[in-house]
N, C-alpha and C. Protein backbone atom coordinates (compact mmCIF):
# COMPACT_ATOMS: atom_id res chain seq x y z
N MET A 1 132.67 36.95 144.81
CA MET A 1 133.22 36.39 143.58
C MET A 1 134.74 36.43 143.67
N SER A 2 135.38 35.38 143.25
CA SER A 2 136.85 35.33 143.32
C SER A 2 137.47 35.93 142.09
N GLU A 3 138.79 36.13 142.11
CA GLU A 3 139.52 36.64 140.96
C GLU A 3 139.58 35.62 139.85
N ALA A 4 139.36 34.35 140.15
CA ALA A 4 139.41 33.27 139.13
C ALA A 4 138.29 33.43 138.16
N ALA A 5 137.12 33.89 138.58
CA ALA A 5 135.97 33.99 137.67
C ALA A 5 136.24 34.94 136.50
N PRO A 6 136.76 36.16 136.74
CA PRO A 6 137.01 37.02 135.56
C PRO A 6 138.09 36.43 134.67
N SER A 7 139.13 35.82 135.22
CA SER A 7 140.16 35.26 134.36
C SER A 7 139.64 34.07 133.58
N ARG A 8 138.75 33.31 134.13
CA ARG A 8 138.12 32.22 133.36
C ARG A 8 137.31 32.76 132.19
N GLY A 9 136.58 33.80 132.47
CA GLY A 9 135.77 34.45 131.42
C GLY A 9 136.65 34.99 130.33
N LEU A 10 137.75 35.61 130.72
CA LEU A 10 138.71 36.15 129.73
C LEU A 10 139.35 35.01 128.92
N ALA A 11 139.69 33.90 129.61
CA ALA A 11 140.29 32.78 128.93
C ALA A 11 139.26 32.19 127.93
N ALA A 12 138.03 32.06 128.33
CA ALA A 12 137.01 31.55 127.43
C ALA A 12 136.81 32.45 126.21
N ALA A 13 136.80 33.77 126.47
CA ALA A 13 136.62 34.74 125.36
C ALA A 13 137.81 34.62 124.40
N LEU A 14 139.02 34.48 124.98
CA LEU A 14 140.21 34.42 124.10
C LEU A 14 140.16 33.07 123.28
N LEU A 15 139.75 32.00 123.96
CA LEU A 15 139.67 30.72 123.28
C LEU A 15 138.63 30.80 122.11
N LEU A 16 137.53 31.44 122.34
CA LEU A 16 136.50 31.61 121.34
C LEU A 16 137.03 32.46 120.21
N ALA A 17 137.73 33.51 120.49
CA ALA A 17 138.29 34.39 119.48
C ALA A 17 139.32 33.64 118.61
N VAL A 18 140.17 32.86 119.27
CA VAL A 18 141.14 32.07 118.48
C VAL A 18 140.44 31.02 117.58
N PHE A 19 139.42 30.39 118.14
CA PHE A 19 138.66 29.41 117.37
C PHE A 19 138.02 30.07 116.14
N LEU A 20 137.37 31.22 116.37
CA LEU A 20 136.68 31.86 115.27
C LEU A 20 137.70 32.41 114.25
N ALA A 21 138.86 32.89 114.68
CA ALA A 21 139.84 33.34 113.70
C ALA A 21 140.36 32.17 112.92
N GLY A 22 140.60 31.03 113.57
CA GLY A 22 141.04 29.83 112.84
C GLY A 22 140.01 29.33 111.82
N ALA A 23 138.73 29.38 112.26
CA ALA A 23 137.67 28.93 111.33
C ALA A 23 137.59 29.88 110.14
N GLY A 24 137.72 31.19 110.42
CA GLY A 24 137.71 32.13 109.29
C GLY A 24 138.85 31.96 108.35
N ALA A 25 140.06 31.77 108.93
CA ALA A 25 141.23 31.55 108.11
C ALA A 25 141.13 30.27 107.28
N GLY A 26 140.58 29.22 107.90
CA GLY A 26 140.40 27.96 107.19
C GLY A 26 139.40 28.11 106.02
N ALA A 27 138.32 28.82 106.30
CA ALA A 27 137.32 29.01 105.25
C ALA A 27 137.91 29.83 104.08
N ALA A 28 138.66 30.87 104.44
CA ALA A 28 139.29 31.69 103.41
C ALA A 28 140.29 30.86 102.61
N GLY A 29 141.11 30.06 103.29
CA GLY A 29 142.09 29.24 102.59
C GLY A 29 141.41 28.23 101.67
N LEU A 30 140.32 27.63 102.12
CA LEU A 30 139.57 26.69 101.30
C LEU A 30 139.01 27.37 100.08
N ALA A 31 138.45 28.55 100.24
CA ALA A 31 137.89 29.27 99.11
C ALA A 31 138.99 29.65 98.10
N LEU A 32 140.13 30.09 98.58
CA LEU A 32 141.22 30.45 97.70
C LEU A 32 141.76 29.19 96.96
N GLY A 33 141.90 28.07 97.70
CA GLY A 33 142.34 26.83 97.07
C GLY A 33 141.36 26.36 96.01
N GLN A 34 140.09 26.46 96.30
CA GLN A 34 139.08 26.04 95.33
C GLN A 34 139.16 26.88 94.10
N ARG A 35 139.32 28.17 94.26
CA ARG A 35 139.45 29.06 93.08
C ARG A 35 140.68 28.77 92.28
N ALA A 36 141.79 28.54 92.96
CA ALA A 36 143.05 28.30 92.29
C ALA A 36 143.07 27.03 91.46
N PHE A 37 142.32 26.02 91.91
CA PHE A 37 142.35 24.73 91.24
C PHE A 37 141.06 24.43 90.53
N GLY A 38 140.20 25.41 90.36
CA GLY A 38 139.02 25.27 89.50
C GLY A 38 137.84 24.56 90.14
N HIS A 39 137.83 24.47 91.48
CA HIS A 39 136.68 23.78 92.14
C HIS A 39 135.66 24.85 92.56
N GLU A 40 135.12 25.57 91.62
CA GLU A 40 134.19 26.65 91.92
C GLU A 40 132.82 26.31 91.36
N GLY A 41 132.29 25.24 91.78
CA GLY A 41 130.94 24.90 91.30
C GLY A 41 131.01 24.48 89.86
N ARG A 42 130.29 25.17 89.00
CA ARG A 42 130.14 24.80 87.59
C ARG A 42 131.18 25.39 86.67
N ARG A 43 132.24 25.95 87.16
CA ARG A 43 133.25 26.51 86.32
C ARG A 43 134.15 25.49 85.68
N GLY A 44 134.11 24.26 86.09
CA GLY A 44 134.88 23.25 85.36
C GLY A 44 135.92 22.57 86.24
N ARG A 45 136.45 21.53 85.69
CA ARG A 45 137.44 20.72 86.40
C ARG A 45 138.78 21.41 86.28
N PRO A 46 139.70 21.04 87.20
CA PRO A 46 141.02 21.71 87.25
C PRO A 46 141.75 21.73 85.90
N LEU A 47 141.87 20.61 85.26
CA LEU A 47 142.59 20.57 83.99
C LEU A 47 141.95 21.46 82.94
N GLU A 48 140.64 21.39 82.83
CA GLU A 48 139.98 22.22 81.84
C GLU A 48 140.16 23.70 82.12
N ARG A 49 140.07 24.04 83.40
CA ARG A 49 140.24 25.44 83.78
C ARG A 49 141.68 25.90 83.50
N LEU A 50 142.65 25.12 83.92
CA LEU A 50 144.06 25.47 83.66
C LEU A 50 144.29 25.58 82.16
N SER A 51 143.76 24.63 81.40
CA SER A 51 143.94 24.66 79.96
C SER A 51 143.34 25.92 79.36
N ARG A 52 142.17 26.26 79.79
CA ARG A 52 141.50 27.46 79.28
C ARG A 52 142.22 28.75 79.69
N GLU A 53 142.57 28.83 80.99
CA GLU A 53 143.16 30.05 81.51
C GLU A 53 144.58 30.27 81.00
N LEU A 54 145.32 29.18 80.87
CA LEU A 54 146.76 29.28 80.47
C LEU A 54 147.02 28.92 78.98
N GLN A 55 145.94 28.58 78.28
CA GLN A 55 146.05 28.19 76.89
C GLN A 55 147.13 27.10 76.69
N LEU A 56 146.98 26.02 77.41
CA LEU A 56 147.95 24.91 77.35
C LEU A 56 147.92 24.24 75.99
N ASP A 57 149.10 23.80 75.56
CA ASP A 57 149.13 23.00 74.33
C ASP A 57 148.86 21.53 74.73
N PRO A 58 148.62 20.65 73.77
CA PRO A 58 148.28 19.26 74.09
C PRO A 58 149.30 18.53 74.93
N ALA A 59 150.59 18.75 74.72
CA ALA A 59 151.64 18.09 75.53
C ALA A 59 151.53 18.58 76.97
N GLN A 60 151.31 19.88 77.17
CA GLN A 60 151.21 20.42 78.54
C GLN A 60 149.97 19.83 79.22
N ARG A 61 148.86 19.75 78.44
CA ARG A 61 147.65 19.16 79.03
C ARG A 61 147.90 17.72 79.52
N ARG A 62 148.57 16.93 78.72
CA ARG A 62 148.86 15.55 79.11
C ARG A 62 149.71 15.49 80.34
N GLU A 63 150.77 16.29 80.43
CA GLU A 63 151.65 16.27 81.56
C GLU A 63 150.98 16.75 82.83
N ILE A 64 150.22 17.84 82.71
CA ILE A 64 149.52 18.39 83.88
C ILE A 64 148.42 17.43 84.29
N GLY A 65 147.74 16.82 83.36
CA GLY A 65 146.70 15.81 83.65
C GLY A 65 147.28 14.67 84.48
N ALA A 66 148.49 14.23 84.06
CA ALA A 66 149.13 13.10 84.79
C ALA A 66 149.52 13.56 86.19
N ILE A 67 149.96 14.79 86.36
CA ILE A 67 150.32 15.31 87.69
C ILE A 67 149.06 15.28 88.55
N LEU A 68 147.95 15.80 88.03
CA LEU A 68 146.71 15.87 88.81
C LEU A 68 146.21 14.47 89.18
N VAL A 69 146.33 13.52 88.28
CA VAL A 69 145.91 12.11 88.60
C VAL A 69 146.76 11.60 89.69
N ARG A 70 148.10 11.76 89.61
CA ARG A 70 149.01 11.26 90.66
C ARG A 70 148.65 11.87 92.02
N ARG A 71 148.45 13.17 92.03
CA ARG A 71 148.12 13.83 93.30
C ARG A 71 146.80 13.33 93.88
N ARG A 72 145.83 13.16 93.00
CA ARG A 72 144.50 12.65 93.46
C ARG A 72 144.66 11.27 94.06
N GLU A 73 145.44 10.40 93.39
CA GLU A 73 145.65 9.05 93.88
C GLU A 73 146.40 9.09 95.22
N HIS A 74 147.33 10.00 95.37
CA HIS A 74 148.08 10.15 96.62
C HIS A 74 147.17 10.65 97.76
N MET A 75 146.24 11.53 97.46
CA MET A 75 145.40 12.13 98.51
C MET A 75 144.23 11.22 98.91
N ARG A 76 143.79 10.39 98.04
CA ARG A 76 142.63 9.55 98.36
C ARG A 76 142.78 8.75 99.66
N PRO A 77 143.90 8.08 99.92
CA PRO A 77 144.02 7.39 101.23
C PRO A 77 144.00 8.34 102.43
N LEU A 78 144.56 9.52 102.25
CA LEU A 78 144.54 10.48 103.38
C LEU A 78 143.12 10.93 103.66
N PHE A 79 142.31 11.16 102.62
CA PHE A 79 140.92 11.54 102.83
C PHE A 79 140.17 10.40 103.53
N GLU A 80 140.42 9.18 103.08
CA GLU A 80 139.70 8.05 103.69
C GLU A 80 140.09 7.90 105.14
N GLU A 81 141.40 8.06 105.49
CA GLU A 81 141.86 8.00 106.90
C GLU A 81 141.19 9.07 107.71
N THR A 82 141.09 10.28 107.16
CA THR A 82 140.43 11.35 107.87
C THR A 82 138.95 11.04 108.11
N ARG A 83 138.27 10.50 107.09
CA ARG A 83 136.87 10.13 107.26
C ARG A 83 136.71 9.09 108.39
N GLN A 84 137.60 8.13 108.43
CA GLN A 84 137.50 7.08 109.47
C GLN A 84 137.74 7.66 110.86
N GLU A 85 138.66 8.60 110.95
CA GLU A 85 138.93 9.25 112.26
C GLU A 85 137.71 10.08 112.71
N ILE A 86 137.11 10.77 111.75
CA ILE A 86 135.89 11.58 112.11
C ILE A 86 134.77 10.62 112.49
N ARG A 87 134.57 9.58 111.69
CA ARG A 87 133.49 8.64 111.97
C ARG A 87 133.60 7.99 113.36
N ALA A 88 134.82 7.75 113.82
CA ALA A 88 135.01 7.17 115.14
C ALA A 88 134.54 8.07 116.26
N VAL A 89 134.47 9.34 116.01
CA VAL A 89 134.03 10.31 117.04
C VAL A 89 132.49 10.38 117.08
N LEU A 90 131.83 10.00 116.05
CA LEU A 90 130.41 10.20 115.90
C LEU A 90 129.59 9.09 116.58
N ARG A 91 128.34 9.48 116.96
CA ARG A 91 127.37 8.51 117.49
C ARG A 91 126.87 7.70 116.30
N PRO A 92 126.25 6.50 116.53
CA PRO A 92 125.76 5.65 115.43
C PRO A 92 124.80 6.36 114.50
N ASP A 93 123.92 7.20 115.03
CA ASP A 93 122.97 7.93 114.14
C ASP A 93 123.71 8.98 113.32
N GLN A 94 124.75 9.56 113.87
CA GLN A 94 125.55 10.52 113.08
C GLN A 94 126.41 9.76 112.04
N GLN A 95 126.90 8.61 112.40
CA GLN A 95 127.69 7.81 111.47
C GLN A 95 126.90 7.46 110.24
N ALA A 96 125.62 7.08 110.43
CA ALA A 96 124.79 6.74 109.29
C ALA A 96 124.62 7.92 108.38
N ARG A 97 124.38 9.09 108.92
CA ARG A 97 124.23 10.31 108.13
C ARG A 97 125.54 10.65 107.45
N PHE A 98 126.63 10.59 108.20
CA PHE A 98 127.96 10.91 107.70
C PHE A 98 128.30 9.99 106.50
N ASP A 99 127.91 8.72 106.62
CA ASP A 99 128.18 7.75 105.55
C ASP A 99 127.52 8.13 104.21
N THR A 100 126.43 8.90 104.27
CA THR A 100 125.69 9.36 103.06
C THR A 100 126.32 10.60 102.44
N LEU A 101 127.17 11.28 103.19
CA LEU A 101 127.82 12.51 102.67
C LEU A 101 128.84 12.14 101.65
N GLY A 102 129.31 13.14 100.94
CA GLY A 102 130.31 12.92 99.84
C GLY A 102 131.49 12.12 100.27
N ARG A 103 131.79 11.09 99.51
CA ARG A 103 132.93 10.23 99.75
C ARG A 103 134.02 10.55 98.76
N PRO A 104 135.30 10.31 99.14
CA PRO A 104 136.39 10.53 98.21
C PRO A 104 136.19 9.70 96.95
N GLY A 105 136.37 10.31 95.81
CA GLY A 105 136.25 9.57 94.57
C GLY A 105 134.85 9.48 94.02
N ARG A 106 133.85 9.91 94.78
CA ARG A 106 132.47 9.82 94.30
C ARG A 106 132.11 11.04 93.48
N ARG A 107 131.57 10.82 92.36
CA ARG A 107 131.21 11.98 91.51
C ARG A 107 129.91 12.58 92.10
N ARG A 108 129.86 13.92 92.09
CA ARG A 108 128.76 14.65 92.67
C ARG A 108 127.95 15.40 91.67
N GLY A 109 128.40 15.47 90.48
CA GLY A 109 127.64 16.29 89.53
C GLY A 109 128.24 16.17 88.14
N PRO A 110 127.65 16.87 87.15
CA PRO A 110 128.12 16.72 85.78
C PRO A 110 129.50 17.27 85.55
N ASP A 111 130.00 18.19 86.39
CA ASP A 111 131.33 18.77 86.15
C ASP A 111 132.34 18.27 87.09
N ARG A 112 132.12 17.16 87.78
CA ARG A 112 133.13 16.61 88.70
C ARG A 112 133.69 15.33 88.17
């Protein structure tokens, strides 16, 4: 066995460790972001949660609501572009399934 075999194994192990650390960090970041903006299942929409938690007055609700709408409108094209990039990598059978998954702007439940 050559010296290259152990170093390949070490490289593969390091690559796997970095991947798993990144996946864990991403999942943690997503969970924190969801909690911060009220996307925690049935706890309510962001504006309602902010209003409840911060006891916003009507003027603040209107202004923050407008901010959230602007941000959502800004993000929608980015989400669609990401979906198209992902779809291009998939096989036709996977594309069909992917197309049935949640789409940007599609309501998924009573509190969305």
